[in-house]
Protein backbone atom coordinates (compact mmCIF):
# COMPACT_ATOMS: atom_id res chain seq x y z
CA MET A 1 46.99 -20.08 -4.48
CA PHE A 2 49.10 -18.09 -2.39
CA VAL A 3 50.79 -18.71 1.10
CA LEU A 4 51.76 -15.61 2.65
CA CYS A 5 53.41 -15.17 6.34
CA SER A 6 54.28 -12.13 8.23
CA THR A 7 55.48 -11.16 11.63
CA ASP A 8 53.76 -8.03 11.23
CA LEU A 9 50.16 -8.88 12.50
CA THR A 10 49.04 -5.24 11.88
CA LEU A 11 49.16 -5.63 8.27
CA THR A 12 45.71 -6.35 6.27
CA PRO A 13 45.66 -9.58 3.60
CA LYS A 14 45.64 -6.79 1.06
CA GLN A 15 48.41 -4.74 2.49
CA LEU A 16 50.39 -8.36 2.70
CA LEU A 17 49.81 -9.03 -0.78
CA GLN A 18 50.99 -5.59 -1.77
CA GLU A 19 54.18 -6.06 0.04
CA TYR A 20 54.68 -9.64 -1.32
CA LYS A 21 54.44 -8.37 -4.84
CA THR A 22 57.32 -5.92 -4.31
CA GLN A 23 59.90 -8.60 -3.13
CA ASP A 24 61.16 -9.44 -6.38
CA GLU A 25 63.67 -11.79 -4.82
CA THR A 26 60.86 -13.85 -3.05
CA GLU A 27 58.80 -13.89 -6.07
CA LYS A 28 61.64 -15.47 -7.95
CA ARG A 29 62.23 -18.28 -5.25
CA PHE A 30 58.79 -19.19 -5.51
CA MET A 31 58.51 -19.07 -9.53
CA THR A 32 61.09 -21.77 -9.70
CA LEU A 33 58.81 -24.01 -7.35
CA LYS A 34 55.63 -22.99 -9.27
CA SER A 35 57.25 -24.38 -12.45
CA THR A 36 56.15 -27.56 -13.90
CA GLU A 37 59.20 -29.50 -13.06
CA PHE A 38 57.90 -29.16 -9.36
CA VAL A 39 54.04 -28.74 -9.45
CA ASN A 40 52.45 -30.50 -12.39
CA SER A 41 48.74 -31.35 -12.45
CA LEU A 42 48.22 -31.17 -8.91
CA PHE A 43 44.90 -31.80 -7.35
CA LEU A 44 44.35 -31.29 -3.62
CA ASP A 45 40.85 -31.78 -2.12
CA SER A 46 40.70 -30.68 1.44
CA PRO A 47 41.71 -27.37 2.89
CA HIS A 48 43.98 -29.48 5.40
CA ARG A 49 45.74 -30.90 2.25
CA ILE A 50 46.13 -27.16 0.61
CA GLU A 51 47.64 -25.88 3.91
CA ALA A 52 50.21 -28.87 4.30
CA PHE A 53 51.18 -28.55 0.86
CA GLY A 54 51.83 -24.84 1.42
CA TYR A 55 54.02 -25.54 4.54
CA LEU A 56 55.91 -28.14 2.31
CA MET A 57 56.56 -25.22 -0.57
CA LEU A 58 57.80 -22.82 2.08
CA LEU A 59 59.94 -25.70 3.64
CA ALA A 60 61.17 -26.35 0.12
CA VAL A 61 61.83 -22.66 -0.47
CA LEU A 62 63.82 -22.50 2.76
CA VAL A 63 66.23 -25.51 1.68
CA LEU A 64 66.45 -24.41 -1.98
CA SER A 65 67.35 -20.73 -0.78
CA THR A 66 69.99 -22.29 1.56
CA ALA A 67 71.69 -24.60 -0.98
CA GLU A 68 71.75 -21.74 -3.34
CA TYR A 69 73.45 -19.28 -0.71
CA VAL A 70 76.05 -22.03 0.46
CA ILE A 71 77.11 -22.88 -3.13
CA ARG A 72 77.76 -19.30 -4.25
CA ARG A 73 79.40 -18.67 -0.97
CA GLU A 74 81.76 -21.60 -1.58
CA LEU A 75 82.50 -20.76 -5.26
CA GLN A 76 83.19 -17.02 -4.04
CA GLU A 77 85.52 -17.85 -1.03
CA ARG A 78 87.38 -20.41 -3.80
CA GLU A 79 87.25 -17.99 -6.55
CA ASP A 80 85.46 -20.94 -8.65
CA TYR A 81 82.74 -21.46 -10.92
CA LEU A 82 80.33 -24.09 -12.14
CA LEU A 83 79.95 -25.20 -15.85
CA GLY A 84 76.28 -24.44 -16.61
CA SER A 85 74.36 -25.21 -19.82
CA GLU A 86 76.76 -25.04 -22.86
CA LYS A 87 79.55 -25.22 -20.80
CA ARG A 88 79.35 -21.58 -19.71
CA LYS A 89 81.16 -20.72 -16.47
CA VAL A 90 78.51 -19.62 -13.70
CA LYS A 91 79.99 -17.92 -10.78
CA ARG A 92 76.59 -17.15 -8.99
CA PRO A 93 74.23 -19.90 -10.07
CA THR A 94 70.80 -19.84 -9.44
CA ILE A 95 68.87 -22.80 -7.82
CA LYS A 96 67.29 -23.50 -11.16
CA THR A 97 70.66 -23.76 -12.81
CA ILE A 98 72.13 -25.85 -9.89
CA LEU A 99 68.69 -28.15 -10.10
CA TRP A 100 69.47 -28.56 -13.85
CA ILE A 101 73.36 -29.46 -13.35
CA ILE A 102 72.48 -32.18 -10.89
CA ARG A 103 69.51 -33.40 -12.88
CA PRO A 104 71.46 -36.23 -14.60
CA ILE A 105 71.96 -38.19 -11.28
CA ARG A 106 70.38 -41.21 -11.75
CA VAL A 107 70.28 -44.22 -8.89
CA ARG A 108 69.37 -47.74 -10.14
CA VAL A 109 67.72 -49.97 -7.67
CA LEU A 110 67.70 -53.86 -8.03
CA LYS A 111 65.52 -55.87 -6.30
CA HIS A 112 66.83 -59.66 -5.65
CA PRO A 113 64.57 -62.10 -4.03
CA ASP A 114 66.91 -63.55 -1.72
CA LYS A 115 68.98 -60.51 -0.64
CA PRO A 116 68.51 -56.61 0.16
CA TRP A 117 67.95 -54.11 -2.33
CA GLU A 118 70.97 -52.91 -4.45
CA ARG A 119 71.41 -49.31 -5.49
CA SER A 120 73.86 -48.04 -7.62
CA ILE A 121 74.50 -44.80 -9.46
CA VAL A 122 73.97 -45.29 -13.41
CA LYS A 123 76.52 -42.89 -14.73
CA GLU A 124 79.42 -41.49 -12.89
CA PRO A 125 78.61 -37.67 -11.72
CA ASN A 126 80.79 -35.31 -13.66
CA GLU A 127 83.18 -32.70 -11.72
CA THR A 128 80.63 -29.87 -11.49
CA ILE A 129 78.24 -32.24 -9.82
CA LEU A 130 80.87 -33.62 -7.48
CA LYS A 131 81.55 -29.88 -6.78
CA ILE A 132 78.18 -29.04 -5.77
CA LEU A 133 77.70 -32.11 -3.47
CA GLU A 134 81.05 -31.14 -1.80
CA TYR A 135 79.93 -27.63 -1.31
CA LEU A 136 76.63 -29.23 0.19
CA LEU A 137 78.39 -31.85 2.42
CA ILE A 138 76.39 -34.63 0.49
CA PRO A 139 78.49 -37.54 0.06
CA LEU A 140 78.22 -39.72 -3.05
CA GLY A 141 77.47 -42.58 -0.77
CA SER A 142 74.32 -41.14 0.68
CA PHE A 143 72.84 -41.86 -3.11
CA THR A 144 73.46 -45.58 -2.80
CA LYS A 145 73.97 -46.69 0.63
CA GLY A 146 72.17 -43.96 2.39
CA VAL A 147 75.16 -42.55 4.61
CA CYS A 148 75.11 -39.06 5.56
């Protein structure tokens, strides 16, 4: 399934698909979302759900692309880098690299019978994760207290 949108209403579906295939950057964005990390054994049984899922995928691409842009901009302005896999210095991380770096964030949720749920971070985030959260203006407390 492909979701293609255009502001050029004169393009035929075939022309729009051809234009899409020539846009390598766009394809890279969707390639990340089409990976098994995001979509695995997904079954949608109605056209309405397929359309809704398409819109959610578009929103996900927008959010992830914006996060990648912000992190790259901050790294460039601060002349900084992130530590990627195998402790390699990365100055222009892709969204896939960023997601790989922040993947270790785990939140433990405990339910007590007589008081509210308790949330805590399982393992303290490393310096690289803290940098990413800082660049995206995400406070660490948003994982445990829901504070933005």
